[in-house]
Amino acid sequence: MEKKITLVACVGKKNPSPMPARDLYTSAWFQKAAAYAEHIADEWYILSAKSGLISPETVTEPYDETLNRMPISARCAWAERVMEDLAQRLEPDDEVILLAGQGYRADLLEPLKKLSYSARIPMPGLKIGEQFSWLNSKS
């Protein structure tokens, strides 16, 4: 049976103390994206610039890292780590839905396709305000 897994990108706005990752990220975009992920997916995870793939329940400390400021080699290593973690959770033909900007999904798309996972980007090319409107229309 095909399973849907949604990956939600981390955001810069965070609570100041360690807490479950679902509560650490405080931006309105993240909250809408997480709610959408919970609604449509069998499982969802957060793409953390610091820790890779994390469960929403994982207690996480605030950090100040983003893939957008990392060198290419560090982004590639991050993507490899995320793919290793995903491979433990996915079966062939599972669908992966990416709620993440280009910087967070770029190095994940080809490896997902090579492993026979369907990868879907529901908001390609939308700017952050447009993404927020799209997410609002789905709630």
C-alpha atoms as a PDB file:
ATOM      1  CA  MET A   1       0.000   0.000   0.000  1.00  0.00           C
ATOM      2  CA  GLU A   2       1.330   3.410  -0.953  1.00  0.00           C
ATOM      3  CA  LYS A   3       2.083   5.703   1.938  1.00  0.00           C
ATOM      4  CA  LYS A   4       2.228   9.506   1.905  1.00  0.00           C
ATOM      5  CA  ILE A   5       5.086  11.161   3.752  1.00  0.00           C
ATOM      6  CA  THR A   6       5.253  14.955   3.918  1.00  0.00           C
ATOM      7  CA  LEU A   7       8.481  16.827   4.559  1.00  0.00           C
ATOM      8  CA  VAL A   8       8.182  20.364   5.938  1.00  0.00           C
ATOM      9  CA  ALA A   9      11.165  22.714   5.842  1.00  0.00           C
ATOM     10  CA  CYS A  10      12.352  24.282   9.062  1.00  0.00           C
ATOM     11  CA  VAL A  11      12.117  28.049   9.458  1.00  0.00           C
ATOM     12  CA  GLY A  12      14.212  30.713  11.127  1.00  0.00           C
ATOM     13  CA  LYS A  13      11.613  31.842  13.671  1.00  0.00           C
ATOM     14  CA  LYS A  14      11.902  29.587  16.731  1.00  0.00           C
ATOM     15  CA  ASN A  15      10.979  29.420  20.377  1.00  0.00           C
ATOM     16  CA  PRO A  16      13.941  30.200  22.677  1.00  0.00           C
ATOM     17  CA  SER A  17      14.130  26.882  24.557  1.00  0.00           C
ATOM     18  CA  PRO A  18      14.248  23.156  23.700  1.00  0.00           C
ATOM     19  CA  MET A  19      10.867  21.571  22.911  1.00  0.00           C
ATOM     20  CA  PRO A  20       9.243  19.120  20.501  1.00  0.00           C
ATOM     21  CA  ALA A  21      10.126  20.207  16.970  1.00  0.00           C
ATOM     22  CA  ARG A  22       6.455  20.695  16.018  1.00  0.00           C
ATOM     23  CA  ASP A  23       6.360  23.485  18.628  1.00  0.00           C
ATOM     24  CA  LEU A  24       9.890  24.853  18.170  1.00  0.00           C
ATOM     25  CA  TYR A  25       9.225  26.527  14.822  1.00  0.00           C
ATOM     26  CA  THR A  26       6.855  29.436  15.344  1.00  0.00           C
ATOM     27  CA  SER A  27       6.276  31.094  11.976  1.00  0.00           C
ATOM     28  CA  ALA A  28       2.729  31.213  10.650  1.00  0.00           C
ATOM     29  CA  TRP A  29       3.951  29.509   7.447  1.00  0.00           C
ATOM     30  CA  PHE A  30       5.403  26.580   9.384  1.00  0.00           C
ATOM     31  CA  GLN A  31       2.266  26.196  11.492  1.00  0.00           C
ATOM     32  CA  LYS A  32       0.075  26.137   8.344  1.00  0.00           C
ATOM     33  CA  ALA A  33       2.429  23.743   6.539  1.00  0.00           C
ATOM     34  CA  ALA A  34       2.563  21.399   9.560  1.00  0.00           C
ATOM     35  CA  ALA A  35      -1.240  21.402   9.855  1.00  0.00           C
ATOM     36  CA  TYR A  36      -1.525  20.613   6.125  1.00  0.00           C
ATOM     37  CA  ALA A  37       1.062  17.830   6.452  1.00  0.00           C
ATOM     38  CA  GLU A  38      -0.798  16.279   9.381  1.00  0.00           C
ATOM     39  CA  HIS A  39      -4.036  16.408   7.399  1.00  0.00           C
ATOM     40  CA  ILE A  40      -2.855  14.844   4.124  1.00  0.00           C
ATOM     41  CA  ALA A  41      -0.032  12.489   5.092  1.00  0.00           C
ATOM     42  CA  ASP A  42       0.325   9.183   6.849  1.00  0.00           C
ATOM     43  CA  GLU A  43       3.511  10.552   8.444  1.00  0.00           C
ATOM     44  CA  TRP A  44       5.302  13.870   8.372  1.00  0.00           C
ATOM     45  CA  TYR A  45       8.784  15.029   9.248  1.00  0.00           C
ATOM     46  CA  ILE A  46      10.716  18.261   9.475  1.00  0.00           C
ATOM     47  CA  LEU A  47      13.719  19.022   7.285  1.00  0.00           C
ATOM     48  CA  SER A  48      16.028  20.605   9.851  1.00  0.00           C
ATOM     49  CA  ALA A  49      19.077  22.439   8.528  1.00  0.00           C
ATOM     50  CA  LYS A  50      20.950  21.365  11.662  1.00  0.00           C
ATOM     51  CA  SER A  51      19.722  17.819  12.268  1.00  0.00           C
ATOM     52  CA  GLY A  52      18.437  16.560   8.927  1.00  0.00           C
ATOM     53  CA  LEU A  53      15.177  14.626   9.097  1.00  0.00           C
ATOM     54  CA  ILE A  54      13.444  14.930  12.465  1.00  0.00           C
ATOM     55  CA  SER A  55      10.157  13.737  13.837  1.00  0.00           C
ATOM     56  CA  PRO A  56       7.710  16.408  15.024  1.00  0.00           C
ATOM     57  CA  GLU A  57       7.942  14.878  18.523  1.00  0.00           C
ATOM     58  CA  THR A  58      11.748  15.060  18.731  1.00  0.00           C
ATOM     59  CA  VAL A  59      12.824  17.546  21.389  1.00  0.00           C
ATOM     60  CA  THR A  60      15.023  20.037  19.579  1.00  0.00           C
ATOM     61  CA  GLU A  61      17.102  22.980  20.754  1.00  0.00           C
ATOM     62  CA  PRO A  62      16.860  26.309  18.953  1.00  0.00           C
ATOM     63  CA  TYR A  63      19.595  26.849  16.382  1.00  0.00           C
ATOM     64  CA  ASP A  64      20.628  29.377  13.773  1.00  0.00           C
ATOM     65  CA  GLU A  65      21.441  27.384  10.645  1.00  0.00           C
ATOM     66  CA  THR A  66      19.960  27.325   7.173  1.00  0.00           C
ATOM     67  CA  LEU A  67      20.841  25.373   4.060  1.00  0.00           C
ATOM     68  CA  ASN A  68      20.682  28.634   2.139  1.00  0.00           C
ATOM     69  CA  ARG A  69      23.975  29.762   3.751  1.00  0.00           C
ATOM     70  CA  MET A  70      25.754  26.389   3.589  1.00  0.00           C
ATOM     71  CA  PRO A  71      28.430  25.525   1.042  1.00  0.00           C
ATOM     72  CA  ILE A  72      27.399  23.021  -1.640  1.00  0.00           C
ATOM     73  CA  SER A  73      29.417  20.208  -0.024  1.00  0.00           C
ATOM     74  CA  ALA A  74      27.591  20.668   3.296  1.00  0.00           C
ATOM     75  CA  ARG A  75      24.183  20.730   1.541  1.00  0.00           C
ATOM     76  CA  CYS A  76      25.035  17.519  -0.300  1.00  0.00           C
ATOM     77  CA  ALA A  77      26.126  15.837   2.950  1.00  0.00           C
ATOM     78  CA  TRP A  78      22.877  17.025   4.582  1.00  0.00           C
ATOM     79  CA  ALA A  79      20.818  15.583   1.706  1.00  0.00           C
ATOM     80  CA  GLU A  80      22.650  12.240   1.949  1.00  0.00           C
ATOM     81  CA  ARG A  81      21.887  12.090   5.672  1.00  0.00           C
ATOM     82  CA  VAL A  82      18.209  12.916   5.043  1.00  0.00           C
ATOM     83  CA  MET A  83      18.012  10.238   2.328  1.00  0.00           C
ATOM     84  CA  GLU A  84      19.555   7.618   4.646  1.00  0.00           C
ATOM     85  CA  ASP A  85      16.922   8.431   7.275  1.00  0.00           C
ATOM     86  CA  LEU A  86      14.101   8.446   4.715  1.00  0.00           C
ATOM     87  CA  ALA A  87      15.200   5.107   3.261  1.00  0.00           C
ATOM     88  CA  GLN A  88      14.502   3.521   6.663  1.00  0.00           C
ATOM     89  CA  ARG A  89      10.921   4.842   6.619  1.00  0.00           C
ATOM     90  CA  LEU A  90       9.886   4.438   2.984  1.00  0.00           C
ATOM     91  CA  GLU A  91       8.892   1.601   0.700  1.00  0.00           C
ATOM     92  CA  PRO A  92       9.117   1.743  -3.106  1.00  0.00           C
ATOM     93  CA  ASP A  93       6.158   3.613  -4.623  1.00  0.00           C
ATOM     94  CA  ASP A  94       5.581   5.686  -1.476  1.00  0.00           C
ATOM     95  CA  GLU A  95       4.810   9.317  -2.186  1.00  0.00           C
ATOM     96  CA  VAL A  96       6.947  12.069  -0.680  1.00  0.00           C
ATOM     97  CA  ILE A  97       5.367  15.529  -0.584  1.00  0.00           C
ATOM     98  CA  LEU A  98       7.844  18.370  -0.169  1.00  0.00           C
ATOM     99  CA  LEU A  99       6.726  21.578   1.521  1.00  0.00           C
ATOM    100  CA  ALA A 100      10.109  23.206   1.157  1.00  0.00           C
ATOM    101  CA  GLY A 101      11.851  25.822  -0.911  1.00  0.00           C
ATOM    102  CA  GLN A 102      14.282  25.057  -3.706  1.00  0.00           C
ATOM    103  CA  GLY A 103      17.301  25.090  -1.380  1.00  0.00           C
ATOM    104  CA  TYR A 104      15.832  22.363   0.819  1.00  0.00           C
ATOM    105  CA  ARG A 105      14.503  20.113  -1.927  1.00  0.00           C
ATOM    106  CA  ALA A 106      17.105  20.486  -4.685  1.00  0.00           C
ATOM    107  CA  ASP A 107      19.399  17.675  -3.558  1.00  0.00           C
ATOM    108  CA  LEU A 108      16.537  15.374  -2.530  1.00  0.00           C
ATOM    109  CA  LEU A 109      14.487  15.107  -5.734  1.00  0.00           C
ATOM    110  CA  GLU A 110      16.832  13.005  -7.881  1.00  0.00           C
ATOM    111  CA  PRO A 111      17.740  10.539  -5.106  1.00  0.00           C
ATOM    112  CA  LEU A 112      14.030  10.085  -4.316  1.00  0.00           C
ATOM    113  CA  LYS A 113      13.244   9.356  -7.965  1.00  0.00           C
ATOM    114  CA  LYS A 114      16.208   6.970  -8.313  1.00  0.00           C
ATOM    115  CA  LEU A 115      14.836   4.951  -5.393  1.00  0.00           C
ATOM    116  CA  SER A 116      11.378   4.768  -7.042  1.00  0.00           C
ATOM    117  CA  TYR A 117       9.678   7.151  -4.658  1.00  0.00           C
ATOM    118  CA  SER A 118       7.163   9.550  -6.100  1.00  0.00           C
ATOM    119  CA  ALA A 119       8.105  13.120  -5.180  1.00  0.00           C
ATOM    120  CA  ARG A 120       5.497  15.869  -5.348  1.00  0.00           C
ATOM    121  CA  ILE A 121       5.954  19.610  -4.854  1.00  0.00           C
ATOM    122  CA  PRO A 122       2.501  21.132  -4.388  1.00  0.00           C
ATOM    123  CA  MET A 123       3.634  24.776  -4.448  1.00  0.00           C
ATOM    124  CA  PRO A 124       6.386  25.004  -7.089  1.00  0.00           C
ATOM    125  CA  GLY A 125       7.518  28.499  -7.891  1.00  0.00           C
ATOM    126  CA  LEU A 126       5.255  30.206  -5.360  1.00  0.00           C
ATOM    127  CA  LYS A 127       6.711  33.005  -3.255  1.00  0.00           C
ATOM    128  CA  ILE A 128       6.277  32.764   0.525  1.00  0.00           C
ATOM    129  CA  GLY A 129       3.136  34.935   0.610  1.00  0.00           C
ATOM    130  CA  GLU A 130       1.616  32.880  -2.214  1.00  0.00           C
ATOM    131  CA  GLN A 131       2.517  29.678  -0.365  1.00  0.00           C
ATOM    132  CA  PHE A 132       0.787  30.998   2.733  1.00  0.00           C
ATOM    133  CA  SER A 133      -2.328  31.785   0.679  1.00  0.00           C
ATOM    134  CA  TRP A 134      -2.223  28.318  -0.895  1.00  0.00           C
ATOM    135  CA  LEU A 135      -1.902  26.678   2.528  1.00  0.00           C
ATOM    136  CA  ASN A 136      -4.764  28.844   3.849  1.00  0.00           C
ATOM    137  CA  SER A 137      -6.966  27.642   0.994  1.00  0.00           C
ATOM    138  CA  LYS A 138      -6.338  24.039   2.053  1.00  0.00           C
ATOM    139  CA  SER A 139      -7.317  24.459   5.699  1.00  0.00           C
END
